[in-house]
Structure formats: C-alpha cells, structure tokens
C-alpha cells in the first residue's frame, strides 16, 4: 500500500512540475509558430496552395457536371455508351430513374 501511495505522490509531483515546464515550452513553440506564419514568404506559399486547391476543385466540379450531363442526356435519349444502365442499374420501361413507376 505504501508503494502505491509513493507512486501516486511521485506522479502528482511530476505532473505539477511538468505542467509548469510544459506551459513555458508550449508558449515558446506557439510563439515561434505564429512568427513563422506571419512571414511573408510563408503567406505567399499558403496563398499559392490555396489557389491551386481552388483551381483543382473548379476543374473537378466542371468534369463531374460534364459527365453527369452526358449521362442524363444519354438516359433521356434512350441511348447509353454501351449499355442501358445508369449508375449500375438497368433502365426498366415504365419506371422513373429513381426506381418508382412513371405515370
């Protein structure tokens, strides 16, 4: 029982001392990180990365819209490139694309 108590006291003392040193070190690291983030070269690279991501997102959106538009047009005309399927399902006469009966 004395061993557990000693371990608990040692753990508590280590936690308190480590927390004090840890907070000081954390403040040091956080200060350096903020300083680095404010560097104009870092901001320039961050802006470039943001623009590249936006360009890629716009391109992907355009390609998806184009592909979906082709599928919708193919489905509406009754012809598809190689099969009568849309998203892996067969078109059944008398049904809507959502699978329900058409009226």
PDB file of N, CA and C in Angstrom:
ATOM      1  N   UNK A   1       0.818  -1.197   0.000  1.00  0.00           N
ATOM      2  CA  UNK A   1       0.000   0.000   0.000  1.00  0.00           C
ATOM      3  C   UNK A   1       0.863   1.263   0.000  1.00  0.00           C
ATOM      4  N   UNK A   2       1.968   1.214   0.719  1.00  0.00           N
ATOM      5  CA  UNK A   2       2.870   2.368   0.778  1.00  0.00           C
ATOM      6  C   UNK A   2       3.483   2.625  -0.596  1.00  0.00           C
ATOM      7  N   UNK A   3       3.717   1.565  -1.342  1.00  0.00           N
ATOM      8  CA  UNK A   3       4.281   1.707  -2.679  1.00  0.00           C
ATOM      9  C   UNK A   3       3.334   2.445  -3.611  1.00  0.00           C
ATOM     10  N   UNK A   4       2.044   2.150  -3.498  1.00  0.00           N
ATOM     11  CA  UNK A   4       1.049   2.825  -4.339  1.00  0.00           C
ATOM     12  C   UNK A   4       0.953   4.298  -3.970  1.00  0.00           C
ATOM     13  N   UNK A   5       0.992   4.568  -2.645  1.00  0.00           N
ATOM     14  CA  UNK A   5       0.913   5.960  -2.207  1.00  0.00           C
ATOM     15  C   UNK A   5       2.119   6.747  -2.707  1.00  0.00           C
ATOM     16  N   UNK A   6       3.305   6.165  -2.605  1.00  0.00           N
ATOM     17  CA  UNK A   6       4.532   6.815  -3.078  1.00  0.00           C
ATOM     18  C   UNK A   6       4.459   7.052  -4.584  1.00  0.00           C
ATOM     19  N   UNK A   7       3.977   6.077  -5.288  1.00  0.00           N
ATOM     20  CA  UNK A   7       3.820   6.212  -6.741  1.00  0.00           C
ATOM     21  C   UNK A   7       2.856   7.344  -7.064  1.00  0.00           C
ATOM     22  N   UNK A   8       1.742   7.426  -6.337  1.00  0.00           N
ATOM     23  CA  UNK A   8       0.744   8.466  -6.556  1.00  0.00           C
ATOM     24  C   UNK A   8       1.327   9.851  -6.268  1.00  0.00           C
ATOM     25  N   UNK A   9       2.057   9.995  -5.158  1.00  0.00           N
ATOM     26  CA  UNK A   9       2.670  11.275  -4.815  1.00  0.00           C
ATOM     27  C   UNK A   9       3.720  11.646  -5.869  1.00  0.00           C
ATOM     28  N   UNK A  10       4.523  10.680  -6.283  1.00  0.00           N
ATOM     29  CA  UNK A  10       5.528  10.938  -7.311  1.00  0.00           C
ATOM     30  C   UNK A  10       4.893  11.351  -8.633  1.00  0.00           C
ATOM     31  N   UNK A  11       3.817  10.686  -8.982  1.00  0.00           N
ATOM     32  CA  UNK A  11       3.111  11.029 -10.210  1.00  0.00           C
ATOM     33  C   UNK A  11       2.553  12.441 -10.121  1.00  0.00           C
ATOM     34  N   UNK A  12       1.946  12.768  -8.984  1.00  0.00           N
ATOM     35  CA  UNK A  12       1.373  14.110  -8.791  1.00  0.00           C
ATOM     36  C   UNK A  12       2.430  15.196  -8.868  1.00  0.00           C
ATOM     37  N   UNK A  13       3.582  14.968  -8.201  1.00  0.00           N
ATOM     38  CA  UNK A  13       4.662  15.963  -8.221  1.00  0.00           C
ATOM     39  C   UNK A  13       5.207  16.117  -9.645  1.00  0.00           C
ATOM     40  N   UNK A  14       5.384  15.016 -10.330  1.00  0.00           N
ATOM     41  CA  UNK A  14       5.877  15.073 -11.708  1.00  0.00           C
ATOM     42  C   UNK A  14       4.914  15.802 -12.628  1.00  0.00           C
ATOM     43  N   UNK A  15       3.627  15.581 -12.397  1.00  0.00           N
ATOM     44  CA  UNK A  15       2.608  16.241 -13.219  1.00  0.00           C
ATOM     45  C   UNK A  15       2.666  17.753 -13.023  1.00  0.00           C
ATOM     46  N   UNK A  16       2.734  18.185 -11.745  1.00  0.00           N
ATOM     47  CA  UNK A  16       2.747  19.618 -11.460  1.00  0.00           C
ATOM     48  C   UNK A  16       4.001  20.262 -12.042  1.00  0.00           C
ATOM     49  N   UNK A  17       5.165  19.662 -11.803  1.00  0.00           N
ATOM     50  CA  UNK A  17       6.410  20.231 -12.329  1.00  0.00           C
ATOM     51  C   UNK A  17       6.442  20.201 -13.856  1.00  0.00           C
ATOM     52  N   UNK A  18       5.965  19.118 -14.440  1.00  0.00           N
ATOM     53  CA  UNK A  18       5.933  19.003 -15.898  1.00  0.00           C
ATOM     54  C   UNK A  18       4.972  19.988 -16.524  1.00  0.00           C
ATOM     55  N   UNK A  19       3.852  20.234 -15.841  1.00  0.00           N
ATOM     56  CA  UNK A  19       2.862  21.174 -16.375  1.00  0.00           C
ATOM     57  C   UNK A  19       3.437  22.577 -16.434  1.00  0.00           C
ATOM     58  N   UNK A  20       4.198  22.947 -15.419  1.00  0.00           N
ATOM     59  CA  UNK A  20       4.812  24.283 -15.426  1.00  0.00           C
ATOM     60  C   UNK A  20       5.827  24.398 -16.559  1.00  0.00           C
ATOM     61  N   UNK A  21       6.704  23.421 -16.660  1.00  0.00           N
ATOM     62  CA  UNK A  21       7.707  23.442 -17.731  1.00  0.00           C
ATOM     63  C   UNK A  21       7.018  23.293 -19.083  1.00  0.00           C
ATOM     64  N   UNK A  22       5.983  22.484 -19.123  1.00  0.00           N
ATOM     65  CA  UNK A  22       5.260  22.250 -20.370  1.00  0.00           C
ATOM     66  C   UNK A  22       4.589  23.505 -20.882  1.00  0.00           C
ATOM     67  N   UNK A  23       4.016  24.296 -19.969  1.00  0.00           N
ATOM     68  CA  UNK A  23       3.334  25.513 -20.390  1.00  0.00           C
ATOM     69  C   UNK A  23       4.337  26.514 -20.954  1.00  0.00           C
ATOM     70  N   UNK A  24       5.476  26.638 -20.315  1.00  0.00           N
ATOM     71  CA  UNK A  24       6.509  27.558 -20.806  1.00  0.00           C
ATOM     72  C   UNK A  24       6.998  27.119 -22.183  1.00  0.00           C
ATOM     73  N   UNK A  25       7.237  25.841 -22.330  1.00  0.00           N
ATOM     74  CA  UNK A  25       7.708  25.318 -23.618  1.00  0.00           C
ATOM     75  C   UNK A  25       6.620  25.479 -24.679  1.00  0.00           C
ATOM     76  N   UNK A  26       5.365  25.230 -24.293  1.00  0.00           N
ATOM     77  CA  UNK A  26       4.250  25.400 -25.222  1.00  0.00           C
ATOM     78  C   UNK A  26       4.194  26.848 -25.709  1.00  0.00           C
ATOM     79  N   UNK A  27       4.325  27.786 -24.785  1.00  0.00           N
ATOM     80  CA  UNK A  27       4.289  29.195 -25.166  1.00  0.00           C
ATOM     81  C   UNK A  27       5.426  29.539 -26.126  1.00  0.00           C
ATOM     82  N   UNK A  28       6.604  28.945 -25.897  1.00  0.00           N
ATOM     83  CA  UNK A  28       7.739  29.162 -26.802  1.00  0.00           C
ATOM     84  C   UNK A  28       7.423  28.656 -28.208  1.00  0.00           C
ATOM     85  N   UNK A  29       6.942  27.429 -28.268  1.00  0.00           N
ATOM     86  CA  UNK A  29       6.653  26.815 -29.568  1.00  0.00           C
ATOM     87  C   UNK A  29       5.522  27.571 -30.271  1.00  0.00           C
ATOM     88  N   UNK A  30       4.481  27.934 -29.528  1.00  0.00           N
ATOM     89  CA  UNK A  30       3.356  28.664 -30.126  1.00  0.00           C
ATOM     90  C   UNK A  30       3.825  30.020 -30.653  1.00  0.00           C
ATOM     91  N   UNK A  31       4.698  30.686 -29.923  1.00  0.00           N
ATOM     92  CA  UNK A  31       5.220  31.980 -30.370  1.00  0.00           C
ATOM     93  C   UNK A  31       6.008  31.841 -31.657  1.00  0.00           C
ATOM     94  N   UNK A  32       6.848  30.817 -31.728  1.00  0.00           N
ATOM     95  CA  UNK A  32       7.637  30.591 -32.952  1.00  0.00           C
ATOM     96  C   UNK A  32       6.724  30.247 -34.127  1.00  0.00           C
ATOM     97  N   UNK A  33       5.682  29.456 -33.869  1.00  0.00           N
ATOM     98  CA  UNK A  33       4.760  29.090 -34.944  1.00  0.00           C
ATOM     99  C   UNK A  33       4.026  30.319 -35.476  1.00  0.00           C
ATOM    100  N   UNK A  34       3.590  31.197 -34.575  1.00  0.00           N
ATOM    101  CA  UNK A  34       2.909  32.424 -35.007  1.00  0.00           C
ATOM    102  C   UNK A  34       3.860  33.321 -35.801  1.00  0.00           C
ATOM    103  N   UNK A  35       5.091  33.406 -35.318  1.00  0.00           N
ATOM    104  CA  UNK A  35       6.107  34.201 -36.016  1.00  0.00           C
ATOM    105  C   UNK A  35       6.337  33.653 -37.425  1.00  0.00           C
ATOM    106  N   UNK A  36       6.448  32.347 -37.538  1.00  0.00           N
ATOM    107  CA  UNK A  36       6.652  31.711 -38.839  1.00  0.00           C
ATOM    108  C   UNK A  36       5.451  31.949 -39.752  1.00  0.00           C
ATOM    109  N   UNK A  37       4.245  31.835 -39.214  1.00  0.00           N
ATOM    110  CA  UNK A  37       3.034  32.008 -40.015  1.00  0.00           C
ATOM    111  C   UNK A  37       2.927  33.425 -40.564  1.00  0.00           C
ATOM    112  N   UNK A  38       3.433  34.391 -39.812  1.00  0.00           N
ATOM    113  CA  UNK A  38       3.359  35.785 -40.250  1.00  0.00           C
ATOM    114  C   UNK A  38       4.425  36.139 -41.294  1.00  0.00           C
ATOM    115  N   UNK A  39       5.361  35.271 -41.526  1.00  0.00           N
ATOM    116  CA  UNK A  39       6.428  35.506 -42.501  1.00  0.00           C
ATOM    117  C   UNK A  39       5.798  35.666 -43.891  1.00  0.00           C
ATOM    118  N   UNK A  40       6.135  36.713 -44.619  1.00  0.00           N
ATOM    119  CA  UNK A  40       5.537  36.947 -45.944  1.00  0.00           C
ATOM    120  C   UNK A  40       5.785  35.798 -46.929  1.00  0.00           C
ATOM    121  N   UNK A  41       6.926  35.134 -46.807  1.00  0.00           N
ATOM    122  CA  UNK A  41       7.200  34.011 -47.720  1.00  0.00           C
ATOM    123  C   UNK A  41       6.235  32.860 -47.455  1.00  0.00           C
ATOM    124  N   UNK A  42       5.953  32.618 -46.188  1.00  0.00           N
ATOM    125  CA  UNK A  42       5.000  31.549 -45.834  1.00  0.00           C
ATOM    126  C   UNK A  42       3.604  31.922 -46.312  1.00  0.00           C
ATOM    127  N   UNK A  43       3.224  33.174 -46.125  1.00  0.00           N
ATOM    128  CA  UNK A  43       1.909  33.621 -46.574  1.00  0.00           C
ATOM    129  C   UNK A  43       1.776  33.519 -48.092  1.00  0.00           C
ATOM    130  N   UNK A  44       2.852  33.824 -48.805  1.00  0.00           N
ATOM    131  CA  UNK A  44       2.828  33.707 -50.268  1.00  0.00           C
ATOM    132  C   UNK A  44       2.612  32.252 -50.693  1.00  0.00           C
ATOM    133  N   UNK A  45       3.346  31.338 -50.059  1.00  0.00           N
ATOM    134  CA  UNK A  45       3.194  29.912 -50.393  1.00  0.00           C
ATOM    135  C   UNK A  45       1.803  29.406 -50.011  1.00  0.00           C
ATOM    136  N   UNK A  46       1.275  29.880 -48.894  1.00  0.00           N
ATOM    137  CA  UNK A  46      -0.068  29.475 -48.476  1.00  0.00           C
ATOM    138  C   UNK A  46      -1.112  29.968 -49.485  1.00  0.00           C
ATOM    139  N   UNK A  47      -0.935  31.188 -49.970  1.00  0.00           N
ATOM    140  CA  UNK A  47      -1.862  31.732 -50.978  1.00  0.00           C
ATOM    141  C   UNK A  47      -1.770  30.933 -52.277  1.00  0.00           C
ATOM    142  N   UNK A  48      -0.548  30.546 -52.662  1.00  0.00           N
ATOM    143  CA  UNK A  48      -0.380  29.731 -53.873  1.00  0.00           C
ATOM    144  C   UNK A  48      -1.062  28.378 -53.704  1.00  0.00           C
ATOM    145  N   UNK A  49      -0.884  27.765 -52.556  1.00  0.00           N
ATOM    146  CA  UNK A  49      -1.504  26.463 -52.302  1.00  0.00           C
ATOM    147  C   UNK A  49      -3.025  26.583 -52.322  1.00  0.00           C
ATOM    148  N   UNK A  50      -3.538  27.660 -51.758  1.00  0.00           N
ATOM    149  CA  UNK A  50      -4.990  27.888 -51.757  1.00  0.00           C
ATOM    150  C   UNK A  50      -5.516  28.040 -53.184  1.00  0.00           C
ATOM    151  N   UNK A  51      -4.780  28.760 -54.031  1.00  0.00           N
ATOM    152  CA  UNK A  51      -5.199  28.959 -55.421  1.00  0.00           C
ATOM    153  C   UNK A  51      -5.168  27.646 -56.201  1.00  0.00           C
ATOM    154  N   UNK A  52      -4.124  26.843 -55.991  1.00  0.00           N
ATOM    155  CA  UNK A  52      -4.035  25.542 -56.662  1.00  0.00           C
ATOM    156  C   UNK A  52      -5.215  24.661 -56.252  1.00  0.00           C
ATOM    157  N   UNK A  53      -5.522  24.640 -54.965  1.00  0.00           N
ATOM    158  CA  UNK A  53      -6.644  23.833 -54.480  1.00  0.00           C
ATOM    159  C   UNK A  53      -7.960  24.315 -55.099  1.00  0.00           C
ATOM    160  N   UNK A  54      -8.142  25.636 -55.191  1.00  0.00           N
ATOM    161  CA  UNK A  54      -9.365  26.181 -55.799  1.00  0.00           C
ATOM    162  C   UNK A  54      -9.455  25.796 -57.275  1.00  0.00           C
ATOM    163  N   UNK A  55      -8.331  25.915 -57.989  1.00  0.00           N
ATOM    164  CA  UNK A  55      -8.317  25.558 -59.412  1.00  0.00           C
ATOM    165  C   UNK A  55      -8.665  24.082 -59.610  1.00  0.00           C
ATOM    166  N   UNK A  56      -8.081  23.224 -58.798  1.00  0.00           N
ATOM    167  CA  UNK A  56      -8.346  21.785 -58.917  1.00  0.00           C
ATOM    168  C   UNK A  56      -9.796  21.472 -58.569  1.00  0.00           C
ATOM    169  N   UNK A  57     -10.328  22.159 -57.566  1.00  0.00           N
ATOM    170  CA  UNK A  57     -11.727  21.954 -57.184  1.00  0.00           C
ATOM    171  C   UNK A  57     -12.655  22.387 -58.313  1.00  0.00           C
ATOM    172  N   UNK A  58     -12.371  23.547 -58.902  1.00  0.00           N
ATOM    173  CA  UNK A  58     -13.194  24.029 -60.021  1.00  0.00           C
ATOM    174  C   UNK A  58     -13.135  23.062 -61.204  1.00  0.00           C
ATOM    175  N   UNK A  59     -11.953  22.544 -61.509  1.00  0.00           N
ATOM    176  CA  UNK A  59     -11.796  21.595 -62.606  1.00  0.00           C
ATOM    177  C   UNK A  59     -12.576  20.313 -62.323  1.00  0.00           C
ATOM    178  N   UNK A  60     -12.450  19.808 -61.104  1.00  0.00           N
ATOM    179  CA  UNK A  60     -13.167  18.581 -60.747  1.00  0.00           C
ATOM    180  C   UNK A  60     -14.675  18.796 -60.833  1.00  0.00           C
ATOM    181  N   UNK A  61     -15.151  19.938 -60.363  1.00  0.00           N
ATOM    182  CA  UNK A  61     -16.580  20.239 -60.426  1.00  0.00           C
ATOM    183  C   UNK A  61     -17.050  20.298 -61.877  1.00  0.00           C
ATOM    184  N   UNK A  62     -16.273  20.937 -62.723  1.00  0.00           N
ATOM    185  CA  UNK A  62     -16.623  21.034 -64.149  1.00  0.00           C
ATOM    186  C   UNK A  62     -16.690  19.637 -64.786  1.00  0.00           C
ATOM    187  N   UNK A  63     -15.693  18.810 -64.498  1.00  0.00           N
ATOM    188  CA  UNK A  63     -15.663  17.466 -65.086  1.00  0.00           C
ATOM    189  C   UNK A  63     -16.842  16.618 -64.608  1.00  0.00           C
ATOM    190  N   UNK A  64     -17.184  16.734 -63.330  1.00  0.00           N
ATOM    191  CA  UNK A  64     -18.317  15.969 -62.798  1.00  0.00           C
ATOM    192  C   UNK A  64     -19.609  16.450 -63.449  1.00  0.00           C
ATOM    193  N   UNK A  65     -19.794  17.760 -63.539  1.00  0.00           N
ATOM    194  CA  UNK A  65     -21.007  18.288 -64.167  1.00  0.00           C
ATOM    195  C   UNK A  65     -21.102  17.852 -65.627  1.00  0.00           C
ATOM    196  N   UNK A  66     -19.983  17.847 -66.331  1.00  0.00           N
ATOM    197  CA  UNK A  66     -19.971  17.426 -67.727  1.00  0.00           C
ATOM    198  C   UNK A  66     -20.360  15.955 -67.834  1.00  0.00           C
ATOM    199  N   UNK A  67     -19.771  15.119 -66.974  1.00  0.00           N
ATOM    200  CA  UNK A  67     -20.036  13.683 -67.011  1.00  0.00           C
ATOM    201  C   UNK A  67     -21.492  13.395 -66.651  1.00  0.00           C
ATOM    202  N   UNK A  68     -21.996  14.076 -65.629  1.00  0.00           N
ATOM    203  CA  UNK A  68     -23.396  13.876 -65.226  1.00  0.00           C
ATOM    204  C   UNK A  68     -24.319  14.342 -66.346  1.00  0.00           C
ATOM    205  N   UNK A  69     -23.986  15.468 -66.970  1.00  0.00           N
ATOM    206  CA  UNK A  69     -24.803  15.965 -68.076  1.00  0.00           C
ATOM    207  C   UNK A  69     -24.846  14.975 -69.226  1.00  0.00           C
ATOM    208  N   UNK A  70     -23.717  14.344 -69.531  1.00  0.00           N
ATOM    209  CA  UNK A  70     -23.681  13.339 -70.602  1.00  0.00           C
ATOM    210  C   UNK A  70     -24.559  12.151 -70.233  1.00  0.00           C
ATOM    211  N   UNK A  71     -24.481  11.694 -68.990  1.00  0.00           N
ATOM    212  CA  UNK A  71     -25.280  10.546 -68.558  1.00  0.00           C
ATOM    213  C   UNK A  71     -26.765  10.875 -68.611  1.00  0.00           C
ATOM    214  N   UNK A  72     -27.120  12.089 -68.162  1.00  0.00           N
ATOM    215  CA  UNK A  72     -28.526  12.494 -68.177  1.00  0.00           C
ATOM    216  C   UNK A  72     -29.024  12.575 -69.615  1.00  0.00           C
ATOM    217  N   UNK A  73     -28.211  13.159 -70.500  1.00  0.00           N
ATOM    218  CA  UNK A  73     -28.611  13.255 -71.905  1.00  0.00           C
ATOM    219  C   UNK A  73     -28.730  11.878 -72.530  1.00  0.00           C
ATOM    220  N   UNK A  74     -27.791  10.979 -72.247  1.00  0.00           N
ATOM    221  CA  UNK A  74     -27.852   9.624 -72.779  1.00  0.00           C
ATOM    222  C   UNK A  74     -29.084   8.899 -72.259  1.00  0.00           C
ATOM    223  N   UNK A  75     -29.374   9.060 -70.995  1.00  0.00           N
ATOM    224  CA  UNK A  75     -30.516   8.374 -70.401  1.00  0.00           C
ATOM    225  C   UNK A  75     -31.820   8.904 -70.985  1.00  0.00           C
ATOM    226  N   UNK A  76     -31.890  10.234 -71.156  1.00  0.00           N
ATOM    227  CA  UNK A  76     -33.102  10.835 -71.701  1.00  0.00           C
ATOM    228  C   UNK A  76     -33.344  10.453 -73.146  1.00  0.00           C
ATOM    229  N   UNK A  77     -32.282  10.229 -73.920  1.00  0.00           N
ATOM    230  CA  UNK A  77     -32.447   9.887 -75.326  1.00  0.00           C
ATOM    231  C   UNK A  77     -32.649   8.391 -75.523  1.00  0.00           C
ATOM    232  N   UNK A  78     -32.465   7.623 -74.447  1.00  0.00           N
ATOM    233  CA  UNK A  78     -32.645   6.180 -74.552  1.00  0.00           C
ATOM    234  C   UNK A  78     -31.412   5.458 -75.029  1.00  0.00           C
ATOM    235  N   UNK A  79     -30.306   6.174 -75.228  1.00  0.00           N
ATOM    236  CA  UNK A  79     -29.065   5.520 -75.640  1.00  0.00           C
ATOM    237  C   UNK A  79     -27.992   5.800 -74.604  1.00  0.00           C
ATOM    238  N   UNK A  80     -27.181   4.811 -74.361  1.00  0.00           N
ATOM    239  CA  UNK A  80     -26.045   4.991 -73.464  1.00  0.00           C
ATOM    240  C   UNK A  80     -24.825   4.427 -74.146  1.00  0.00           C
ATOM    241  N   UNK A  81     -23.700   4.781 -73.654  1.00  0.00           N
ATOM    242  CA  UNK A  81     -22.446   4.308 -74.229  1.00  0.00           C
ATOM    243  C   UNK A  81     -22.215   2.859 -73.827  1.00  0.00           C
ATOM    244  N   UNK A  82     -22.813   1.924 -74.499  1.00  0.00           N
ATOM    245  CA  UNK A  82     -22.526   0.520 -74.272  1.00  0.00           C
ATOM    246  C   UNK A  82     -23.568  -0.252 -73.509  1.00  0.00           C
ATOM    247  N   UNK A  83     -24.452   0.412 -72.767  1.00  0.00           N
ATOM    248  CA  UNK A  83     -25.455  -0.339 -72.022  1.00  0.00           C
ATOM    249  C   UNK A  83     -26.647   0.548 -71.716  1.00  0.00           C
ATOM    250  N   UNK A  84     -27.677  -0.064 -71.167  1.00  0.00           N
ATOM    251  CA  UNK A  84     -28.868   0.668 -70.758  1.00  0.00           C
ATOM    252  C   UNK A  84     -28.840   0.956 -69.266  1.00  0.00           C
ATOM    253  N   UNK A  85     -27.666   1.103 -68.704  1.00  0.00           N
ATOM    254  CA  UNK A  85     -27.605   1.269 -67.257  1.00  0.00           C
ATOM    255  C   UNK A  85     -27.206   2.684 -66.873  1.00  0.00           C
ATOM    256  N   UNK A  86     -27.708   3.109 -65.735  1.00  0.00           N
ATOM    257  CA  UNK A  86     -27.336   4.369 -65.128  1.00  0.00           C
ATOM    258  C   UNK A  86     -26.915   4.042 -63.706  1.00  0.00           C
ATOM    259  N   UNK A  87     -25.688   4.375 -63.351  1.00  0.00           N
ATOM    260  CA  UNK A  87     -25.136   4.110 -62.017  1.00  0.00           C
ATOM    261  C   UNK A  87     -25.259   2.647 -61.648  1.00  0.00           C
ATOM    262  N   UNK A  88     -25.076   1.764 -62.598  1.00  0.00           N
ATOM    263  CA  UNK A  88     -25.038   0.344 -62.305  1.00  0.00           C
ATOM    264  C   UNK A  88     -26.396  -0.333 -62.251  1.00  0.00           C
ATOM    265  N   UNK A  89     -27.496   0.358 -62.572  1.00  0.00           N
ATOM    266  CA  UNK A  89     -28.817  -0.270 -62.558  1.00  0.00           C
ATOM    267  C   UNK A  89     -29.391  -0.257 -63.963  1.00  0.00           C
ATOM    268  N   UNK A  90     -30.184  -1.217 -64.259  1.00  0.00           N
ATOM    269  CA  UNK A  90     -30.794  -1.302 -65.588  1.00  0.00           C
ATOM    270  C   UNK A  90     -32.033  -0.424 -65.658  1.00  0.00           C
ATOM    271  N   UNK A  91     -32.204   0.251 -66.780  1.00  0.00           N
ATOM    272  CA  UNK A  91     -33.413   1.030 -67.007  1.00  0.00           C
ATOM    273  C   UNK A  91     -34.531   0.074 -67.387  1.00  0.00           C
ATOM    274  N   UNK A  92     -35.635   0.166 -66.680  1.00  0.00           N
ATOM    275  CA  UNK A  92     -36.771  -0.702 -66.931  1.00  0.00           C
ATOM    276  C   UNK A  92     -37.887   0.154 -67.521  1.00  0.00           C
ATOM    277  N   UNK A  93     -38.432  -0.244 -68.684  1.00  0.00           N
ATOM    278  CA  UNK A  93     -39.516   0.536 -69.276  1.00  0.00           C
ATOM    279  C   UNK A  93     -40.673   0.677 -68.294  1.00  0.00           C
ATOM    280  N   UNK A  94     -41.247   1.886 -68.230  1.00  0.00           N
ATOM    281  CA  UNK A  94     -42.373   2.125 -67.343  1.00  0.00           C
ATOM    282  C   UNK A  94     -41.972   2.550 -65.944  1.00  0.00           C
ATOM    283  N   UNK A  95     -40.681   2.773 -65.713  1.00  0.00           N
ATOM    284  CA  UNK A  95     -40.226   3.239 -64.400  1.00  0.00           C
ATOM    285  C   UNK A  95     -39.452   4.523 -64.549  1.00  0.00           C
ATOM    286  N   UNK A  96     -39.391   5.273 -63.472  1.00  0.00           N
ATOM    287  CA  UNK A  96     -38.614   6.516 -63.474  1.00  0.00           C
ATOM    288  C   UNK A  96     -37.182   6.203 -63.097  1.00  0.00           C
ATOM    289  N   UNK A  97     -36.252   7.137 -63.319  1.00  0.00           N
ATOM    290  CA  UNK A  97     -34.854   6.891 -62.964  1.00  0.00           C
ATOM    291  C   UNK A  97     -34.663   6.605 -61.473  1.00  0.00           C
ATOM    292  N   UNK A  98     -35.571   7.085 -60.619  1.00  0.00           N
ATOM    293  CA  UNK A  98     -35.437   6.841 -59.187  1.00  0.00           C
ATOM    294  C   UNK A  98     -35.953   5.448 -58.813  1.00  0.00           C
ATOM    295  N   UNK A  99     -36.513   4.743 -59.723  1.00  0.00           N
ATOM    296  CA  UNK A  99     -36.937   3.372 -59.471  1.00  0.00           C
ATOM    297  C   UNK A  99     -38.438   3.230 -59.289  1.00  0.00           C
ATOM    298  N   UNK A 100     -39.165   4.328 -59.156  1.00  0.00           N
ATOM    299  CA  UNK A 100     -40.612   4.247 -58.985  1.00  0.00           C
ATOM    300  C   UNK A 100     -41.303   4.129 -60.325  1.00  0.00           C
ATOM    301  N   UNK A 101     -42.591   3.851 -60.299  1.00  0.00           N
ATOM    302  CA  UNK A 101     -43.367   3.770 -61.528  1.00  0.00           C
ATOM    303  C   UNK A 101     -43.625   5.155 -62.077  1.00  0.00           C
ATOM    304  N   UNK A 102     -43.499   5.298 -63.382  1.00  0.00           N
ATOM    305  CA  UNK A 102     -43.792   6.589 -64.003  1.00  0.00           C
ATOM    306  C   UNK A 102     -45.267   6.619 -64.369  1.00  0.00           C
ATOM    307  N   UNK A 103     -45.799   7.840 -64.360  1.00  0.00           N
ATOM    308  CA  UNK A 103     -47.236   7.971 -64.683  1.00  0.00           C
ATOM    309  C   UNK A 103     -47.430   8.693 -65.969  1.00  0.00           C
TER     310      UNK A 103
END
